[in-house]
Amino acid sequence: MGVYVDRLTVLRAPLVDDVYGSVRDWANAAGMATYRASVQPERVSSGSADDESQDREITLTTFRVFIPGAADVTSADRVLFRGLVYEVIGSPCAWTVGVSRHTAFVMRRVDG
């Protein structure tokens, strides 16, 4: 069985102007590409939110993602995986190990 058994779609939102400058219009995001990937759980944590109220429980789920070859993923993108949308954290990196090349990044979802 192969390593890249998961499927995910990279979502990209257009930039629009508002009173504060340019922001991403996630209501009009488009699926840029669908990739085979290896999605590996990294962390799930629960607790209080870090805001002033601290009476709201949150769950933070983080995955490390590997896509074979070069993938068009940026830190401004989001990812659709198993019906849920995740944020890309940091800048995706292209890595070469021996003759194998892949794109790696971390994605997370905050619930609550």
PDB file of N, CA and C in Angstrom:
ATOM      1  N   MET A   1       0.842  -1.169   0.000  1.00  0.00           N
ATOM      2  CA  MET A   1       0.000   0.000   0.000  1.00  0.00           C
ATOM      3  C   MET A   1       0.894   1.241   0.000  1.00  0.00           C
ATOM      4  N   GLY A   2       0.462   2.282  -0.723  1.00  0.00           N
ATOM      5  CA  GLY A   2       1.235   3.507  -0.825  1.00  0.00           C
ATOM      6  C   GLY A   2       1.134   4.363   0.423  1.00  0.00           C
ATOM      7  N   VAL A   3       2.024   5.311   0.506  1.00  0.00           N
ATOM      8  CA  VAL A   3       2.052   6.236   1.640  1.00  0.00           C
ATOM      9  C   VAL A   3       1.025   7.351   1.460  1.00  0.00           C
ATOM     10  N   TYR A   4       0.794   7.765   0.217  1.00  0.00           N
ATOM     11  CA  TYR A   4      -0.074   8.909  -0.058  1.00  0.00           C
ATOM     12  C   TYR A   4      -1.507   8.441  -0.331  1.00  0.00           C
ATOM     13  N   VAL A   5      -2.202   8.049   0.726  1.00  0.00           N
ATOM     14  CA  VAL A   5      -3.540   7.458   0.586  1.00  0.00           C
ATOM     15  C   VAL A   5      -4.668   8.448   0.885  1.00  0.00           C
ATOM     16  N   ASP A   6      -4.352   9.615   1.427  1.00  0.00           N
ATOM     17  CA  ASP A   6      -5.367  10.615   1.742  1.00  0.00           C
ATOM     18  C   ASP A   6      -5.546  11.547   0.546  1.00  0.00           C
ATOM     19  N   ARG A   7      -6.708  12.218   0.508  1.00  0.00           N
ATOM     20  CA  ARG A   7      -6.963  13.229  -0.516  1.00  0.00           C
ATOM     21  C   ARG A   7      -7.348  14.529   0.172  1.00  0.00           C
ATOM     22  N   LEU A   8      -6.825  15.628  -0.347  1.00  0.00           N
ATOM     23  CA  LEU A   8      -7.187  16.941   0.180  1.00  0.00           C
ATOM     24  C   LEU A   8      -7.268  17.942  -0.958  1.00  0.00           C
ATOM     25  N   THR A   9      -8.012  19.020  -0.722  1.00  0.00           N
ATOM     26  CA  THR A   9      -8.165  20.078  -1.712  1.00  0.00           C
ATOM     27  C   THR A   9      -7.659  21.383  -1.127  1.00  0.00           C
ATOM     28  N   VAL A  10      -6.807  22.064  -1.868  1.00  0.00           N
ATOM     29  CA  VAL A  10      -6.289  23.373  -1.446  1.00  0.00           C
ATOM     30  C   VAL A  10      -7.305  24.436  -1.859  1.00  0.00           C
ATOM     31  N   LEU A  11      -7.716  25.257  -0.891  1.00  0.00           N
ATOM     32  CA  LEU A  11      -8.675  26.338  -1.120  1.00  0.00           C
ATOM     33  C   LEU A  11      -7.944  27.674  -1.102  1.00  0.00           C
ATOM     34  N   ARG A  12      -8.283  28.531  -2.055  1.00  0.00           N
ATOM     35  CA  ARG A  12      -7.651  29.848  -2.111  1.00  0.00           C
ATOM     36  C   ARG A  12      -8.735  30.903  -2.280  1.00  0.00           C
ATOM     37  N   ALA A  13      -8.674  31.946  -1.462  1.00  0.00           N
ATOM     38  CA  ALA A  13      -9.668  33.018  -1.499  1.00  0.00           C
ATOM     39  C   ALA A  13      -9.082  34.250  -2.182  1.00  0.00           C
ATOM     40  N   PRO A  14      -9.902  34.946  -2.954  1.00  0.00           N
ATOM     41  CA  PRO A  14      -9.412  36.173  -3.583  1.00  0.00           C
ATOM     42  C   PRO A  14      -9.236  37.285  -2.553  1.00  0.00           C
ATOM     43  N   LEU A  15      -8.360  38.214  -2.867  1.00  0.00           N
ATOM     44  CA  LEU A  15      -8.182  39.395  -2.020  1.00  0.00           C
ATOM     45  C   LEU A  15      -9.229  40.437  -2.402  1.00  0.00           C
ATOM     46  N   VAL A  16      -9.851  41.025  -1.383  1.00  0.00           N
ATOM     47  CA  VAL A  16     -10.815  42.111  -1.593  1.00  0.00           C
ATOM     48  C   VAL A  16     -10.450  43.250  -0.647  1.00  0.00           C
ATOM     49  N   ASP A  17     -10.858  44.430  -1.010  1.00  0.00           N
ATOM     50  CA  ASP A  17     -10.579  45.602  -0.174  1.00  0.00           C
ATOM     51  C   ASP A  17     -11.720  45.832   0.803  1.00  0.00           C
ATOM     52  N   ASP A  18     -11.362  46.169   2.044  1.00  0.00           N
ATOM     53  CA  ASP A  18     -12.355  46.624   3.019  1.00  0.00           C
ATOM     54  C   ASP A  18     -11.789  47.866   3.700  1.00  0.00           C
ATOM     55  N   VAL A  19     -12.414  48.319   4.751  1.00  0.00           N
ATOM     56  CA  VAL A  19     -11.976  49.558   5.402  1.00  0.00           C
ATOM     57  C   VAL A  19     -10.586  49.447   6.026  1.00  0.00           C
ATOM     58  N   TYR A  20     -10.109  48.219   6.256  1.00  0.00           N
ATOM     59  CA  TYR A  20      -8.800  48.020   6.883  1.00  0.00           C
ATOM     60  C   TYR A  20      -7.705  47.690   5.880  1.00  0.00           C
ATOM     61  N   GLY A  21      -8.051  47.529   4.607  1.00  0.00           N
ATOM     62  CA  GLY A  21      -7.079  47.151   3.587  1.00  0.00           C
ATOM     63  C   GLY A  21      -7.551  45.915   2.848  1.00  0.00           C
ATOM     64  N   SER A  22      -6.626  45.113   2.371  1.00  0.00           N
ATOM     65  CA  SER A  22      -6.961  43.892   1.643  1.00  0.00           C
ATOM     66  C   SER A  22      -7.117  42.721   2.599  1.00  0.00           C
ATOM     67  N   VAL A  23      -8.189  41.958   2.407  1.00  0.00           N
ATOM     68  CA  VAL A  23      -8.446  40.759   3.215  1.00  0.00           C
ATOM     69  C   VAL A  23      -8.879  39.626   2.280  1.00  0.00           C
ATOM     70  N   ARG A  24      -8.797  38.405   2.765  1.00  0.00           N
ATOM     71  CA  ARG A  24      -9.235  37.248   1.982  1.00  0.00           C
ATOM     72  C   ARG A  24     -10.746  37.105   2.070  1.00  0.00           C
ATOM     73  N   ASP A  25     -11.388  36.866   0.953  1.00  0.00           N
ATOM     74  CA  ASP A  25     -12.839  36.686   0.873  1.00  0.00           C
ATOM     75  C   ASP A  25     -13.134  35.181   0.868  1.00  0.00           C
ATOM     76  N   TRP A  26     -13.178  34.576   2.063  1.00  0.00           N
ATOM     77  CA  TRP A  26     -13.340  33.125   2.167  1.00  0.00           C
ATOM     78  C   TRP A  26     -14.716  32.651   1.733  1.00  0.00           C
ATOM     79  N   ALA A  27     -15.698  33.530   1.675  1.00  0.00           N
ATOM     80  CA  ALA A  27     -17.017  33.139   1.169  1.00  0.00           C
ATOM     81  C   ALA A  27     -16.959  32.806  -0.320  1.00  0.00           C
ATOM     82  N   ASN A  28     -15.942  33.309  -1.016  1.00  0.00           N
ATOM     83  CA  ASN A  28     -15.787  33.065  -2.452  1.00  0.00           C
ATOM     84  C   ASN A  28     -14.505  32.295  -2.774  1.00  0.00           C
ATOM     85  N   ALA A  29     -14.047  31.476  -1.843  1.00  0.00           N
ATOM     86  CA  ALA A  29     -12.838  30.671  -2.064  1.00  0.00           C
ATOM     87  C   ALA A  29     -13.096  29.626  -3.145  1.00  0.00           C
ATOM     88  N   ALA A  30     -12.044  29.282  -3.854  1.00  0.00           N
ATOM     89  CA  ALA A  30     -12.130  28.267  -4.903  1.00  0.00           C
ATOM     90  C   ALA A  30     -11.152  27.144  -4.617  1.00  0.00           C
ATOM     91  N   GLY A  31     -11.522  25.937  -5.005  1.00  0.00           N
ATOM     92  CA  GLY A  31     -10.609  24.798  -4.908  1.00  0.00           C
ATOM     93  C   GLY A  31      -9.558  24.929  -5.996  1.00  0.00           C
ATOM     94  N   MET A  32      -8.300  25.058  -5.610  1.00  0.00           N
ATOM     95  CA  MET A  32      -7.217  25.257  -6.577  1.00  0.00           C
ATOM     96  C   MET A  32      -6.725  23.934  -7.155  1.00  0.00           C
ATOM     97  N   ALA A  33      -6.583  22.940  -6.300  1.00  0.00           N
ATOM     98  CA  ALA A  33      -6.074  21.642  -6.744  1.00  0.00           C
ATOM     99  C   ALA A  33      -6.405  20.594  -5.690  1.00  0.00           C
ATOM    100  N   THR A  34      -6.561  19.365  -6.146  1.00  0.00           N
ATOM    101  CA  THR A  34      -6.747  18.226  -5.241  1.00  0.00           C
ATOM    102  C   THR A  34      -5.504  17.360  -5.341  1.00  0.00           C
ATOM    103  N   TYR A  35      -4.995  16.955  -4.188  1.00  0.00           N
ATOM    104  CA  TYR A  35      -3.752  16.183  -4.143  1.00  0.00           C
ATOM    105  C   TYR A  35      -3.937  14.890  -3.357  1.00  0.00           C
ATOM    106  N   ARG A  36      -3.153  13.889  -3.710  1.00  0.00           N
ATOM    107  CA  ARG A  36      -2.959  12.734  -2.843  1.00  0.00           C
ATOM    108  C   ARG A  36      -1.948  13.183  -1.796  1.00  0.00           C
ATOM    109  N   ALA A  37      -2.116  12.728  -0.566  1.00  0.00           N
ATOM    110  CA  ALA A  37      -1.231  13.188   0.502  1.00  0.00           C
ATOM    111  C   ALA A  37      -1.121  12.139   1.591  1.00  0.00           C
ATOM    112  N   SER A  38      -0.148  12.321   2.434  1.00  0.00           N
ATOM    113  CA  SER A  38      -0.043  11.581   3.689  1.00  0.00           C
ATOM    114  C   SER A  38      -0.336  12.599   4.780  1.00  0.00           C
ATOM    115  N   VAL A  39      -1.484  12.437   5.452  1.00  0.00           N
ATOM    116  CA  VAL A  39      -1.902  13.359   6.508  1.00  0.00           C
ATOM    117  C   VAL A  39      -1.733  12.639   7.834  1.00  0.00           C
ATOM    118  N   GLN A  40      -0.862  13.176   8.694  1.00  0.00           N
ATOM    119  CA  GLN A  40      -0.512  12.504   9.934  1.00  0.00           C
ATOM    120  C   GLN A  40      -0.881  13.358  11.137  1.00  0.00           C
ATOM    121  N   PRO A  41      -1.629  12.764  12.095  1.00  0.00           N
ATOM    122  CA  PRO A  41      -1.993  13.531  13.293  1.00  0.00           C
ATOM    123  C   PRO A  41      -0.756  14.015  14.014  1.00  0.00           C
ATOM    124  N   GLU A  42      -0.808  15.266  14.436  1.00  0.00           N
ATOM    125  CA  GLU A  42       0.317  15.809  15.181  1.00  0.00           C
ATOM    126  C   GLU A  42      -0.095  16.115  16.615  1.00  0.00           C
ATOM    127  N   ARG A  43      -1.269  16.770  16.781  1.00  0.00           N
ATOM    128  CA  ARG A  43      -1.665  17.143  18.139  1.00  0.00           C
ATOM    129  C   ARG A  43      -3.158  17.425  18.191  1.00  0.00           C
ATOM    130  N   VAL A  44      -3.777  16.994  19.265  1.00  0.00           N
ATOM    131  CA  VAL A  44      -5.144  17.391  19.585  1.00  0.00           C
ATOM    132  C   VAL A  44      -5.113  17.856  21.028  1.00  0.00           C
ATOM    133  N   SER A  45      -5.588  19.074  21.264  1.00  0.00           N
ATOM    134  CA  SER A  45      -5.609  19.568  22.636  1.00  0.00           C
ATOM    135  C   SER A  45      -6.922  20.276  22.896  1.00  0.00           C
ATOM    136  N   SER A  46      -7.337  20.251  24.134  1.00  0.00           N
ATOM    137  CA  SER A  46      -8.565  20.918  24.548  1.00  0.00           C
ATOM    138  C   SER A  46      -8.256  21.812  25.735  1.00  0.00           C
ATOM    139  N   GLY A  47      -9.087  22.828  25.915  1.00  0.00           N
ATOM    140  CA  GLY A  47      -8.906  23.724  27.054  1.00  0.00           C
ATOM    141  C   GLY A  47      -9.678  24.998  26.851  1.00  0.00           C
ATOM    142  N   SER A  48      -9.368  25.993  27.644  1.00  0.00           N
ATOM    143  CA  SER A  48     -10.044  27.283  27.568  1.00  0.00           C
ATOM    144  C   SER A  48      -9.425  28.128  26.476  1.00  0.00           C
ATOM    145  N   ALA A  49     -10.232  28.987  25.911  1.00  0.00           N
ATOM    146  CA  ALA A  49      -9.742  29.917  24.907  1.00  0.00           C
ATOM    147  C   ALA A  49      -8.796  30.913  25.564  1.00  0.00           C
ATOM    148  N   ASP A  50      -7.895  31.475  24.778  1.00  0.00           N
ATOM    149  CA  ASP A  50      -6.919  32.430  25.299  1.00  0.00           C
ATOM    150  C   ASP A  50      -7.437  33.862  25.292  1.00  0.00           C
ATOM    151  N   ASP A  51      -8.725  34.039  25.143  1.00  0.00           N
ATOM    152  CA  ASP A  51      -9.254  35.397  25.129  1.00  0.00           C
ATOM    153  C   ASP A  51      -9.660  35.828  26.540  1.00  0.00           C
ATOM    154  N   GLU A  52     -10.265  36.991  26.642  1.00  0.00           N
ATOM    155  CA  GLU A  52     -10.608  37.551  27.950  1.00  0.00           C
ATOM    156  C   GLU A  52     -11.623  36.714  28.716  1.00  0.00           C
ATOM    157  N   SER A  53     -12.568  36.097  28.005  1.00  0.00           N
ATOM    158  CA  SER A  53     -13.640  35.396  28.709  1.00  0.00           C
ATOM    159  C   SER A  53     -13.164  34.098  29.358  1.00  0.00           C
ATOM    160  N   GLN A  54     -12.319  33.368  28.699  1.00  0.00           N
ATOM    161  CA  GLN A  54     -11.778  32.103  29.191  1.00  0.00           C
ATOM    162  C   GLN A  54     -12.845  31.140  29.691  1.00  0.00           C
ATOM    163  N   ASP A  55     -14.102  31.350  29.309  1.00  0.00           N
ATOM    164  CA  ASP A  55     -15.150  30.419  29.714  1.00  0.00           C
ATOM    165  C   ASP A  55     -15.621  29.581  28.533  1.00  0.00           C
ATOM    166  N   ARG A  56     -14.886  29.622  27.455  1.00  0.00           N
ATOM    167  CA  ARG A  56     -15.230  28.875  26.254  1.00  0.00           C
ATOM    168  C   ARG A  56     -14.211  27.751  26.065  1.00  0.00           C
ATOM    169  N   GLU A  57     -14.684  26.542  25.911  1.00  0.00           N
ATOM    170  CA  GLU A  57     -13.804  25.408  25.652  1.00  0.00           C
ATOM    171  C   GLU A  57     -13.492  25.317  24.164  1.00  0.00           C
ATOM    172  N   ILE A  58     -12.245  25.038  23.825  1.00  0.00           N
ATOM    173  CA  ILE A  58     -11.862  24.869  22.428  1.00  0.00           C
ATOM    174  C   ILE A  58     -11.124  23.545  22.267  1.00  0.00           C
ATOM    175  N   THR A  59     -11.107  23.057  21.043  1.00  0.00           N
ATOM    176  CA  THR A  59     -10.302  21.904  20.670  1.00  0.00           C
ATOM    177  C   THR A  59      -9.446  22.325  19.491  1.00  0.00           C
ATOM    178  N   LEU A  60      -8.156  22.129  19.602  1.00  0.00           N
ATOM    179  CA  LEU A  60      -7.200  22.472  18.561  1.00  0.00           C
ATOM    180  C   LEU A  60      -6.667  21.170  17.980  1.00  0.00           C
ATOM    181  N   THR A  61      -6.858  20.963  16.678  1.00  0.00           N
ATOM    182  CA  THR A  61      -6.394  19.753  16.004  1.00  0.00           C
ATOM    183  C   THR A  61      -5.355  20.153  14.967  1.00  0.00           C
ATOM    184  N   THR A  62      -4.195  19.509  15.003  1.00  0.00           N
ATOM    185  CA  THR A  62      -3.093  19.824  14.104  1.00  0.00           C
ATOM    186  C   THR A  62      -2.645  18.568  13.367  1.00  0.00           C
ATOM    187  N   PHE A  63      -2.429  18.694  12.056  1.00  0.00           N
ATOM    188  CA  PHE A  63      -1.932  17.599  11.228  1.00  0.00           C
ATOM    189  C   PHE A  63      -0.683  18.046  10.488  1.00  0.00           C
ATOM    190  N   ARG A  64       0.243  17.122  10.264  1.00  0.00           N
ATOM    191  CA  ARG A  64       1.394  17.353   9.393  1.00  0.00           C
ATOM    192  C   ARG A  64       1.055  16.686   8.064  1.00  0.00           C
ATOM    193  N   VAL A  65       1.271  17.412   6.969  1.00  0.00           N
ATOM    194  CA  VAL A  65       0.875  16.956   5.643  1.00  0.00           C
ATOM    195  C   VAL A  65       2.093  16.816   4.741  1.00  0.00           C
ATOM    196  N   PHE A  66       2.124  15.729   3.968  1.00  0.00           N
ATOM    197  CA  PHE A  66       3.163  15.492   2.971  1.00  0.00           C
ATOM    198  C   PHE A  66       2.481  15.209   1.640  1.00  0.00           C
ATOM    199  N   ILE A  67       2.842  15.963   0.602  1.00  0.00           N
ATOM    200  CA  ILE A  67       2.303  15.784  -0.744  1.00  0.00           C
ATOM    201  C   ILE A  67       3.477  15.454  -1.654  1.00  0.00           C
ATOM    202  N   PRO A  68       3.382  14.382  -2.457  1.00  0.00           N
ATOM    203  CA  PRO A  68       4.507  14.060  -3.336  1.00  0.00           C
ATOM    204  C   PRO A  68       4.720  15.148  -4.381  1.00  0.00           C
ATOM    205  N   GLY A  69       5.988  15.434  -4.662  1.00  0.00           N
ATOM    206  CA  GLY A  69       6.321  16.434  -5.665  1.00  0.00           C
ATOM    207  C   GLY A  69       6.107  17.847  -5.167  1.00  0.00           C
ATOM    208  N   ALA A  70       6.080  18.775  -6.114  1.00  0.00           N
ATOM    209  CA  ALA A  70       5.859  20.182  -5.784  1.00  0.00           C
ATOM    210  C   ALA A  70       4.366  20.441  -5.806  1.00  0.00           C
ATOM    211  N   ALA A  71       3.845  21.046  -4.762  1.00  0.00           N
ATOM    212  CA  ALA A  71       2.418  21.353  -4.668  1.00  0.00           C
ATOM    213  C   ALA A  71       2.233  22.859  -4.531  1.00  0.00           C
ATOM    214  N   ASP A  72       1.187  23.373  -5.143  1.00  0.00           N
ATOM    215  CA  ASP A  72       0.884  24.804  -5.069  1.00  0.00           C
ATOM    216  C   ASP A  72       0.070  25.072  -3.812  1.00  0.00           C
ATOM    217  N   VAL A  73       0.774  25.264  -2.685  1.00  0.00           N
ATOM    218  CA  VAL A  73       0.159  25.547  -1.383  1.00  0.00           C
ATOM    219  C   VAL A  73       0.910  26.723  -0.777  1.00  0.00           C
ATOM    220  N   THR A  74       0.170  27.704  -0.259  1.00  0.00           N
ATOM    221  CA  THR A  74       0.804  28.858   0.383  1.00  0.00           C
ATOM    222  C   THR A  74       0.291  28.997   1.814  1.00  0.00           C
ATOM    223  N   SER A  75       0.940  29.834   2.584  1.00  0.00           N
ATOM    224  CA  SER A  75       0.523  30.066   3.971  1.00  0.00           C
ATOM    225  C   SER A  75      -0.823  30.784   4.053  1.00  0.00           C
ATOM    226  N   ALA A  76      -1.274  31.391   2.958  1.00  0.00           N
ATOM    227  CA  ALA A  76      -2.561  32.087   2.940  1.00  0.00           C
ATOM    228  C   ALA A  76      -3.725  31.169   2.567  1.00  0.00           C
ATOM    229  N   ASP A  77      -3.436  29.911   2.247  1.00  0.00           N
ATOM    230  CA  ASP A  77      -4.465  28.966   1.814  1.00  0.00           C
ATOM    231  C   ASP A  77      -5.139  28.276   2.983  1.00  0.00           C
ATOM    232  N   ARG A  78      -6.227  27.605   2.667  1.00  0.00           N
ATOM    233  CA  ARG A  78      -6.874  26.681   3.582  1.00  0.00           C
ATOM    234  C   ARG A  78      -6.983  25.344   2.876  1.00  0.00           C
ATOM    235  N   VAL A  79      -7.263  24.296   3.646  1.00  0.00           N
ATOM    236  CA  VAL A  79      -7.299  22.947   3.091  1.00  0.00           C
ATOM    237  C   VAL A  79      -8.597  22.268   3.492  1.00  0.00           C
ATOM    238  N   LEU A  80      -9.250  21.640   2.520  1.00  0.00           N
ATOM    239  CA  LEU A  80     -10.433  20.835   2.784  1.00  0.00           C
ATOM    240  C   LEU A  80      -9.991  19.380   2.889  1.00  0.00           C
ATOM    241  N   PHE A  81     -10.204  18.783   4.078  1.00  0.00           N
ATOM    242  CA  PHE A  81      -9.789  17.410   4.329  1.00  0.00           C
ATOM    243  C   PHE A  81     -10.890  16.697   5.102  1.00  0.00           C
ATOM    244  N   ARG A  82     -11.402  15.620   4.550  1.00  0.00           N
ATOM    245  CA  ARG A  82     -12.477  14.834   5.164  1.00  0.00           C
ATOM    246  C   ARG A  82     -13.665  15.692   5.579  1.00  0.00           C
ATOM    247  N   GLY A  83     -14.026  16.648   4.719  1.00  0.00           N
ATOM    248  CA  GLY A  83     -15.201  17.463   4.950  1.00  0.00           C
ATOM    249  C   GLY A  83     -15.018  18.637   5.896  1.00  0.00           C
ATOM    250  N   LEU A  84     -13.813  18.832   6.413  1.00  0.00           N
ATOM    251  CA  LEU A  84     -13.532  19.940   7.329  1.00  0.00           C
ATOM    252  C   LEU A  84     -12.467  20.856   6.723  1.00  0.00           C
ATOM    253  N   VAL A  85     -12.530  22.132   7.071  1.00  0.00           N
ATOM    254  CA  VAL A  85     -11.576  23.110   6.551  1.00  0.00           C
ATOM    255  C   VAL A  85     -10.525  23.408   7.619  1.00  0.00           C
ATOM    256  N   TYR A  86      -9.261  23.395   7.205  1.00  0.00           N
ATOM    257  CA  TYR A  86      -8.111  23.641   8.084  1.00  0.00           C
ATOM    258  C   TYR A  86      -7.318  24.828   7.552  1.00  0.00           C
ATOM    259  N   GLU A  87      -6.633  25.544   8.450  1.00  0.00           N
ATOM    260  CA  GLU A  87      -5.732  26.635   8.073  1.00  0.00           C
ATOM    261  C   GLU A  87      -4.337  26.071   7.855  1.00  0.00           C
ATOM    262  N   VAL A  88      -3.622  26.600   6.862  1.00  0.00           N
ATOM    263  CA  VAL A  88      -2.212  26.260   6.670  1.00  0.00           C
ATOM    264  C   VAL A  88      -1.418  27.115   7.639  1.00  0.00           C
ATOM    265  N   ILE A  89      -0.544  26.488   8.419  1.00  0.00           N
ATOM    266  CA  ILE A  89       0.255  27.183   9.424  1.00  0.00           C
ATOM    267  C   ILE A  89       1.697  27.289   8.923  1.00  0.00           C
ATOM    268  N   GLY A  90       2.207  28.504   8.832  1.00  0.00           N
ATOM    269  CA  GLY A  90       3.571  28.702   8.363  1.00  0.00           C
ATOM    270  C   GLY A  90       3.676  28.524   6.857  1.00  0.00           C
ATOM    271  N   SER A  91       4.885  28.515   6.354  1.00  0.00           N
ATOM    272  CA  SER A  91       5.129  28.384   4.919  1.00  0.00           C
ATOM    273  C   SER A  91       5.397  26.929   4.548  1.00  0.00           C
ATOM    274  N   PRO A  92       4.656  26.395   3.584  1.00  0.00           N
ATOM    275  CA  PRO A  92       4.955  25.043   3.102  1.00  0.00           C
ATOM    276  C   PRO A  92       6.376  24.987   2.544  1.00  0.00           C
ATOM    277  N   CYS A  93       7.013  23.829   2.682  1.00  0.00           N
ATOM    278  CA  CYS A  93       8.398  23.663   2.256  1.00  0.00           C
ATOM    279  C   CYS A  93       8.521  22.494   1.284  1.00  0.00           C
ATOM    280  N   ALA A  94       9.364  22.662   0.275  1.00  0.00           N
ATOM    281  CA  ALA A  94       9.698  21.574  -0.635  1.00  0.00           C
ATOM    282  C   ALA A  94      10.927  20.871  -0.079  1.00  0.00           C
ATOM    283  N   TRP A  95      10.859  19.544   0.051  1.00  0.00           N
ATOM    284  CA  TRP A  95      11.954  18.760   0.602  1.00  0.00           C
ATOM    285  C   TRP A  95      12.364  17.675  -0.375  1.00  0.00           C
ATOM    286  N   THR A  96      13.642  17.390  -0.410  1.00  0.00           N
ATOM    287  CA  THR A  96      14.153  16.287  -1.213  1.00  0.00           C
ATOM    288  C   THR A  96      14.889  15.331  -0.286  1.00  0.00           C
ATOM    289  N   VAL A  97      14.489  14.065  -0.345  1.00  0.00           N
ATOM    290  CA  VAL A  97      15.146  13.009   0.427  1.00  0.00           C
ATOM    291  C   VAL A  97      15.581  11.955  -0.581  1.00  0.00           C
ATOM    292  N   GLY A  98      16.885  11.859  -0.800  1.00  0.00           N
ATOM    293  CA  GLY A  98      17.372  10.957  -1.846  1.00  0.00           C
ATOM    294  C   GLY A  98      16.869  11.449  -3.191  1.00  0.00           C
ATOM    295  N   VAL A  99      16.112  10.592  -3.890  1.00  0.00           N
ATOM    296  CA  VAL A  99      15.543  10.987  -5.177  1.00  0.00           C
ATOM    297  C   VAL A  99      14.068  11.361  -5.046  1.00  0.00           C
ATOM    298  N   SER A 100      13.547  11.308  -3.818  1.00  0.00           N
ATOM    299  CA  SER A 100      12.144  11.601  -3.578  1.00  0.00           C
ATOM    300  C   SER A 100      11.972  13.063  -3.168  1.00  0.00           C
ATOM    301  N   ARG A 101      11.009  13.723  -3.787  1.00  0.00           N
ATOM    302  CA  ARG A 101      10.728  15.116  -3.450  1.00  0.00           C
ATOM    303  C   ARG A 101       9.280  15.210  -2.980  1.00  0.00           C
ATOM    304  N   HIS A 102       9.039  16.019  -1.969  1.00  0.00           N
ATOM    305  CA  HIS A 102       7.679  16.226  -1.493  1.00  0.00           C
ATOM    306  C   HIS A 102       7.528  17.642  -0.922  1.00  0.00           C
ATOM    307  N   THR A 103       6.263  18.057  -0.768  1.00  0.00           N
ATOM    308  CA  THR A 103       5.926  19.330  -0.144  1.00  0.00           C
ATOM    309  C   THR A 103       5.360  19.027   1.230  1.00  0.00           C
ATOM    310  N   ALA A 104       5.840  19.718   2.259  1.00  0.00           N
ATOM    311  CA  ALA A 104       5.404  19.472   3.633  1.00  0.00           C
ATOM    312  C   ALA A 104       4.868  20.761   4.251  1.00  0.00           C
ATOM    313  N   PHE A 105       3.806  20.625   5.059  1.00  0.00           N
ATOM    314  CA  PHE A 105       3.280  21.757   5.800  1.00  0.00           C
ATOM    315  C   PHE A 105       2.434  21.251   6.962  1.00  0.00           C
ATOM    316  N   VAL A 106       2.071  22.181   7.836  1.00  0.00           N
ATOM    317  CA  VAL A 106       1.215  21.867   8.981  1.00  0.00           C
ATOM    318  C   VAL A 106      -0.106  22.582   8.772  1.00  0.00           C
ATOM    319  N   MET A 107      -1.204  21.900   9.128  1.00  0.00           N
ATOM    320  CA  MET A 107      -2.520  22.532   9.059  1.00  0.00           C
ATOM    321  C   MET A 107      -3.226  22.314  10.396  1.00  0.00           C
ATOM    322  N   ARG A 108      -4.132  23.261  10.740  1.00  0.00           N
ATOM    323  CA  ARG A 108      -4.815  23.136  12.020  1.00  0.00           C
ATOM    324  C   ARG A 108      -6.267  23.603  11.901  1.00  0.00           C
ATOM    325  N   ARG A 109      -7.054  23.145  12.855  1.00  0.00           N
ATOM    326  CA  ARG A 109      -8.458  23.524  12.952  1.00  0.00           C
ATOM    327  C   ARG A 109      -8.749  23.828  14.414  1.00  0.00           C
ATOM    328  N   VAL A 110      -9.462  24.926  14.652  1.00  0.00           N
ATOM    329  CA  VAL A 110      -9.856  25.294  16.014  1.00  0.00           C
ATOM    330  C   VAL A 110     -11.379  25.168  16.076  1.00  0.00           C
ATOM    331  N   ASP A 111     -11.876  24.335  16.980  1.00  0.00           N
ATOM    332  CA  ASP A 111     -13.312  24.170  17.191  1.00  0.00           C
ATOM    333  C   ASP A 111     -13.679  24.710  18.554  1.00  0.00           C
ATOM    334  N   GLY A 112     -14.772  25.440  18.624  1.00  0.00           N
ATOM    335  CA  GLY A 112     -15.257  25.925  19.907  1.00  0.00           C
ATOM    336  C   GLY A 112     -15.299  27.408  20.017  1.00  0.00           C
TER     337      GLY A 112
END
